[in-house]
Amino acid sequence: MPRWHHVVNIQGITFIVAIAVVWEILADTVFSGFDSIASTTETLAGLGDLITQGELLSQIGHTLSVTVIGWILAGLIGLIIGISLGLSPWLWKYSMATIEVLRSIPSISFVPVALMLFGFSQTMELVVIVYVSLWPVLMGSLGGVRGVNPQLVDVARTLRLGPWRKMRRIVFPAALPNILVGLRLSLSLSIALAVIAEMLGNPRGLGFGIIFSQRAFLPAEVFAYLLVIGLIGWLVNALFVLLIRRMAPTFAGAI
């Protein structure tokens, strides 16, 4: 059974604590003249204020919900398209130029388009998350399928495996490490895009909380929101790694 110390980077956490201490010292000395910078203790106090106000949990819930839903949709779409392109030389030949153009569009530039189409809504957030986050999964599954050892394909041909059995027994297991890497990258992107979409186009969630606190000139709360987002990103990533190591320990090393 996987243990948390196999997932959590203790040395990394120690380094973060050291950075927090250094930041406290710098904020009280070098940056003491800047009113827009919150020290570590002020950030923790700001976090306490957010918890006391009672809105933080609902903001976390909103950001997490759109992140998970968007990530699942992006994963499914990216997996289907990536595997299809990997299995079909014809599709790959005629679509890769279009795919390269589309995935080269900066993610932030897609937010205004989504705003015009869907307004200030959760749908807008999901569209932005799915569009940007599907690319790591798509490219990972595509590269994994196209990179399958030809000898394995010859084995499938020798055993007279049908297309479905060939996919299930040969292609998918061989491509799974690339797919898992793509899913992990996609998860990080989903969190980032959820926050960006909330900052630019939806009066809900952690992203909106950052903007509201910034406009109210509450730097301690701004830094507290950043701390919460970082902790959520770490927790979600750790849960993903733990899940993979429990369900597919053979491929855990890939991520």
Protein backbone atom coordinates (compact mmCIF):
# COMPACT_ATOMS: atom_id res chain seq x y z
CA MET A 1 0.00 0.00 0.00
CA PRO A 2 1.41 3.45 -0.97
CA ARG A 3 2.39 5.68 1.90
CA TRP A 4 2.23 9.43 2.07
CA HIS A 5 5.98 9.76 2.58
CA HIS A 6 6.39 8.18 -0.86
CA VAL A 7 4.20 10.91 -2.36
CA VAL A 8 5.07 13.94 -0.26
CA ASN A 9 8.48 15.49 -0.84
CA ILE A 10 9.62 16.09 2.75
CA GLN A 11 12.77 17.87 1.62
CA GLY A 12 10.68 20.09 -0.62
CA ILE A 13 8.34 20.99 2.23
CA THR A 14 11.34 21.79 4.42
CA PHE A 15 12.62 24.12 1.71
CA ILE A 16 9.21 25.84 1.52
CA VAL A 17 9.25 26.42 5.27
CA ALA A 18 12.72 27.90 4.94
CA ILE A 19 11.48 30.22 2.18
CA ALA A 20 8.58 31.29 4.44
CA VAL A 21 11.02 32.20 7.18
CA VAL A 22 13.27 34.11 4.78
CA TRP A 23 10.24 35.91 3.34
CA GLU A 24 9.17 36.97 6.83
CA ILE A 25 12.60 38.45 7.43
CA LEU A 26 12.73 40.21 4.05
CA ALA A 27 9.21 41.61 4.42
CA ASP A 28 10.11 43.09 7.79
CA THR A 29 13.43 44.53 6.62
CA VAL A 30 14.17 45.02 2.93
CA PHE A 31 10.51 45.34 1.84
CA SER A 32 9.21 47.05 4.97
CA GLY A 33 8.42 50.21 3.01
CA PHE A 34 6.09 48.43 0.59
CA ASP A 35 2.47 48.42 1.78
CA SER A 36 1.45 45.97 -0.94
CA ILE A 37 3.67 43.15 0.35
CA ALA A 38 2.47 40.87 3.14
CA SER A 39 4.88 38.96 5.34
CA THR A 40 4.44 35.30 6.20
CA THR A 41 2.73 36.05 9.51
CA GLU A 42 0.48 38.67 7.87
CA THR A 43 -0.43 36.15 5.18
CA LEU A 44 -1.39 33.58 7.81
CA ALA A 45 -3.42 36.25 9.61
CA GLY A 46 -5.12 37.08 6.31
CA LEU A 47 -5.91 33.40 5.86
CA GLY A 48 -7.49 33.41 9.31
CA ASP A 49 -9.62 36.41 8.30
CA LEU A 50 -10.79 34.63 5.14
CA ILE A 51 -11.77 31.57 7.14
CA THR A 52 -13.61 33.73 9.68
CA GLN A 53 -15.54 35.56 6.96
CA GLY A 54 -16.99 32.22 5.88
CA GLU A 55 -16.68 32.57 2.09
CA LEU A 56 -13.42 30.70 1.60
CA LEU A 57 -14.92 27.20 1.60
CA SER A 58 -17.50 28.07 -1.06
CA GLN A 59 -14.78 29.70 -3.17
CA ILE A 60 -12.58 26.61 -2.84
CA GLY A 61 -15.55 24.41 -3.71
CA HIS A 62 -16.30 26.38 -6.85
CA THR A 63 -12.69 26.41 -8.06
CA LEU A 64 -12.23 22.71 -7.31
CA SER A 65 -15.48 21.70 -9.00
CA VAL A 66 -14.74 23.46 -12.29
CA THR A 67 -11.14 22.23 -12.13
CA VAL A 68 -12.09 18.57 -11.72
CA ILE A 69 -14.96 18.66 -14.24
CA GLY A 70 -12.85 20.52 -16.79
CA TRP A 71 -9.91 18.17 -16.26
CA ILE A 72 -12.05 15.05 -16.72
CA LEU A 73 -13.60 16.44 -19.90
CA ALA A 74 -10.20 17.55 -21.21
CA GLY A 75 -8.74 14.13 -20.41
CA LEU A 76 -11.50 12.24 -22.21
CA ILE A 77 -11.45 14.48 -25.29
CA GLY A 78 -7.66 14.56 -25.47
CA LEU A 79 -7.44 10.79 -25.02
CA ILE A 80 -9.97 10.03 -27.74
CA ILE A 81 -8.46 12.44 -30.26
CA GLY A 82 -4.87 11.49 -29.42
CA ILE A 83 -5.42 7.76 -29.71
CA SER A 84 -7.42 8.19 -32.92
CA LEU A 85 -4.65 10.25 -34.49
CA GLY A 86 -2.04 7.78 -33.29
CA LEU A 87 -3.84 4.80 -34.79
CA SER A 88 -4.71 6.44 -38.09
CA PRO A 89 -1.80 7.65 -40.25
CA TRP A 90 -4.35 9.27 -42.55
CA LEU A 91 -5.91 11.37 -39.78
CA TRP A 92 -2.48 12.26 -38.43
CA LYS A 93 -1.24 13.40 -41.82
CA TYR A 94 -4.15 15.72 -42.58
CA SER A 95 -4.82 17.15 -39.13
CA MET A 96 -1.46 17.72 -37.43
CA ALA A 97 -0.89 21.14 -39.02
CA THR A 98 -4.27 22.33 -37.71
CA ILE A 99 -3.58 20.88 -34.27
CA GLU A 100 -0.19 22.58 -34.06
CA VAL A 101 -1.78 25.94 -34.90
CA LEU A 102 -4.59 25.54 -32.38
CA ARG A 103 -2.38 24.43 -29.49
CA SER A 104 0.02 27.31 -30.16
CA ILE A 105 -2.65 29.88 -29.27
CA PRO A 106 -1.74 31.37 -25.86
CA SER A 107 -4.21 30.20 -23.24
CA ILE A 108 -4.88 33.67 -21.84
CA SER A 109 -5.92 34.95 -25.28
CA PHE A 110 -8.74 32.41 -25.44
CA VAL A 111 -10.47 33.83 -22.34
CA PRO A 112 -11.95 36.94 -24.11
CA VAL A 113 -13.33 34.70 -26.85
CA ALA A 114 -14.98 32.44 -24.28
CA LEU A 115 -16.35 35.52 -22.52
CA MET A 116 -17.96 36.80 -25.71
CA LEU A 117 -19.53 33.41 -26.39
CA PHE A 118 -20.67 32.35 -22.91
CA GLY A 119 -20.55 35.46 -20.73
CA PHE A 120 -19.69 35.43 -17.02
CA SER A 121 -20.63 31.83 -16.34
CA GLN A 122 -19.31 28.47 -15.22
CA THR A 123 -19.66 27.29 -18.81
CA MET A 124 -17.10 29.90 -19.82
CA GLU A 125 -14.68 28.58 -17.21
CA LEU A 126 -15.15 24.99 -18.33
CA VAL A 127 -14.65 25.86 -22.00
CA VAL A 128 -11.38 27.65 -21.22
CA ILE A 129 -10.13 24.82 -18.99
CA VAL A 130 -11.04 22.07 -21.46
CA TYR A 131 -9.60 23.85 -24.49
CA VAL A 132 -6.22 24.50 -22.89
CA SER A 133 -5.91 21.37 -20.73
CA LEU A 134 -6.71 18.78 -23.40
CA TRP A 135 -3.45 19.40 -25.28
CA PRO A 136 -1.04 17.63 -22.89
CA VAL A 137 -3.29 14.57 -22.87
CA LEU A 138 -3.79 14.67 -26.63
CA MET A 139 -0.10 14.99 -27.40
CA GLY A 140 0.87 12.47 -24.73
CA SER A 141 -1.55 9.81 -25.98
CA LEU A 142 -0.62 10.55 -29.59
CA GLY A 143 3.09 10.22 -28.88
CA GLY A 144 2.52 7.13 -26.77
CA VAL A 145 0.51 5.33 -29.45
CA ARG A 146 2.87 6.29 -32.26
CA GLY A 147 5.84 5.28 -30.14
CA VAL A 148 4.68 1.72 -29.52
CA ASN A 149 7.48 -0.74 -30.22
CA PRO A 150 6.93 -2.20 -33.73
CA GLN A 151 7.87 -5.62 -32.37
CA LEU A 152 4.83 -5.49 -30.10
CA VAL A 153 2.67 -4.72 -33.11
CA ASP A 154 4.19 -7.72 -34.90
CA VAL A 155 3.35 -9.89 -31.89
CA ALA A 156 -0.27 -8.72 -32.06
CA ARG A 157 -0.35 -9.53 -35.77
CA THR A 158 1.15 -12.96 -35.16
CA LEU A 159 -1.43 -13.71 -32.47
CA ARG A 160 -4.17 -12.50 -34.85
CA LEU A 161 -5.52 -10.05 -32.29
CA GLY A 162 -8.47 -7.97 -33.42
CA PRO A 163 -8.34 -4.16 -33.33
CA TRP A 164 -9.98 -3.90 -29.90
CA ARG A 165 -7.87 -6.63 -28.29
CA LYS A 166 -4.74 -5.18 -29.88
CA MET A 167 -5.63 -1.78 -28.45
CA ARG A 168 -6.42 -3.15 -24.99
CA ARG A 169 -3.51 -5.57 -24.64
CA ILE A 170 -0.71 -3.97 -26.65
CA VAL A 171 -1.18 -0.33 -27.61
CA PHE A 172 -2.84 1.17 -24.54
CA PRO A 173 -0.50 -0.39 -21.92
CA ALA A 174 2.52 0.70 -23.96
CA ALA A 175 1.18 4.26 -24.31
CA LEU A 176 -0.06 4.55 -20.71
CA PRO A 177 3.11 6.18 -19.25
CA ASN A 178 2.85 9.04 -21.77
CA ILE A 179 -0.87 9.35 -21.09
CA LEU A 180 -0.34 9.58 -17.34
CA VAL A 181 2.26 12.32 -17.77
CA GLY A 182 -0.17 14.20 -19.99
CA LEU A 183 -2.95 13.84 -17.42
CA ARG A 184 -0.73 15.15 -14.65
CA LEU A 185 0.31 18.19 -16.69
CA SER A 186 -3.31 18.72 -17.66
CA LEU A 187 -4.37 18.71 -14.01
CA SER A 188 -1.94 21.52 -13.16
CA LEU A 189 -3.14 23.50 -16.16
CA SER A 190 -6.77 23.00 -15.14
CA ILE A 191 -6.17 24.58 -11.74
CA ALA A 192 -4.30 27.52 -13.24
CA LEU A 193 -6.93 28.11 -15.93
CA ALA A 194 -9.77 27.92 -13.42
CA VAL A 195 -8.17 30.69 -11.36
CA ILE A 196 -7.40 32.80 -14.45
CA ALA A 197 -10.96 32.46 -15.75
CA GLU A 198 -12.32 33.50 -12.34
CA MET A 199 -10.00 36.49 -12.22
CA LEU A 200 -11.03 37.71 -15.66
CA GLY A 201 -14.58 36.62 -16.12
CA ASN A 202 -16.53 35.09 -13.24
CA PRO A 203 -17.42 36.69 -9.88
CA ARG A 204 -16.93 33.41 -8.01
CA GLY A 205 -14.07 31.23 -6.81
CA LEU A 206 -10.55 31.85 -5.59
CA GLY A 207 -9.56 33.87 -8.65
CA PHE A 208 -12.34 36.38 -8.01
CA GLY A 209 -11.32 36.47 -4.35
CA ILE A 210 -7.82 37.57 -5.36
CA ILE A 211 -9.17 40.38 -7.55
CA PHE A 212 -11.64 41.52 -4.89
CA SER A 213 -8.94 41.64 -2.20
CA GLN A 214 -6.54 43.43 -4.55
CA ARG A 215 -9.14 46.10 -5.35
CA ALA A 216 -9.87 46.50 -1.64
CA PHE A 217 -6.09 46.83 -1.08
CA LEU A 218 -5.87 43.90 1.30
CA PRO A 219 -2.43 42.43 0.49
CA ALA A 220 -2.57 39.93 3.35
CA GLU A 221 -5.70 38.37 1.87
CA VAL A 222 -4.23 38.41 -1.65
CA PHE A 223 -1.20 36.47 -0.44
CA ALA A 224 -3.48 34.20 1.60
CA TYR A 225 -5.44 33.32 -1.54
CA LEU A 226 -2.18 32.54 -3.33
CA LEU A 227 -1.20 30.28 -0.44
CA VAL A 228 -4.55 28.46 -0.62
CA ILE A 229 -4.23 27.96 -4.39
CA GLY A 230 -0.72 26.59 -3.95
CA LEU A 231 -1.87 24.18 -1.25
CA ILE A 232 -4.78 23.01 -3.40
CA GLY A 233 -2.45 22.43 -6.34
CA TRP A 234 -0.10 20.41 -4.14
CA LEU A 235 -2.93 18.38 -2.59
CA VAL A 236 -4.60 17.56 -5.90
CA ASN A 237 -1.29 16.56 -7.44
CA ALA A 238 -0.41 14.38 -4.43
CA LEU A 239 -3.81 12.65 -4.59
CA PHE A 240 -3.33 11.96 -8.30
CA VAL A 241 0.11 10.44 -7.73
CA LEU A 242 -1.19 8.39 -4.80
CA LEU A 243 -4.11 7.11 -6.88
CA ILE A 244 -1.83 6.04 -9.73
CA ARG A 245 0.58 4.32 -7.37
CA ARG A 246 -2.30 2.42 -5.83
CA MET A 247 -4.16 1.46 -9.01
CA ALA A 248 -1.27 1.12 -11.48
CA PRO A 249 1.98 0.76 -9.50
CA THR A 250 3.80 -0.55 -12.58
CA PHE A 251 3.44 2.85 -14.26
CA ALA A 252 3.94 5.01 -11.16
CA GLY A 253 7.53 5.73 -12.10
CA ALA A 254 6.35 7.50 -15.26
CA ILE A 255 4.88 10.36 -13.27
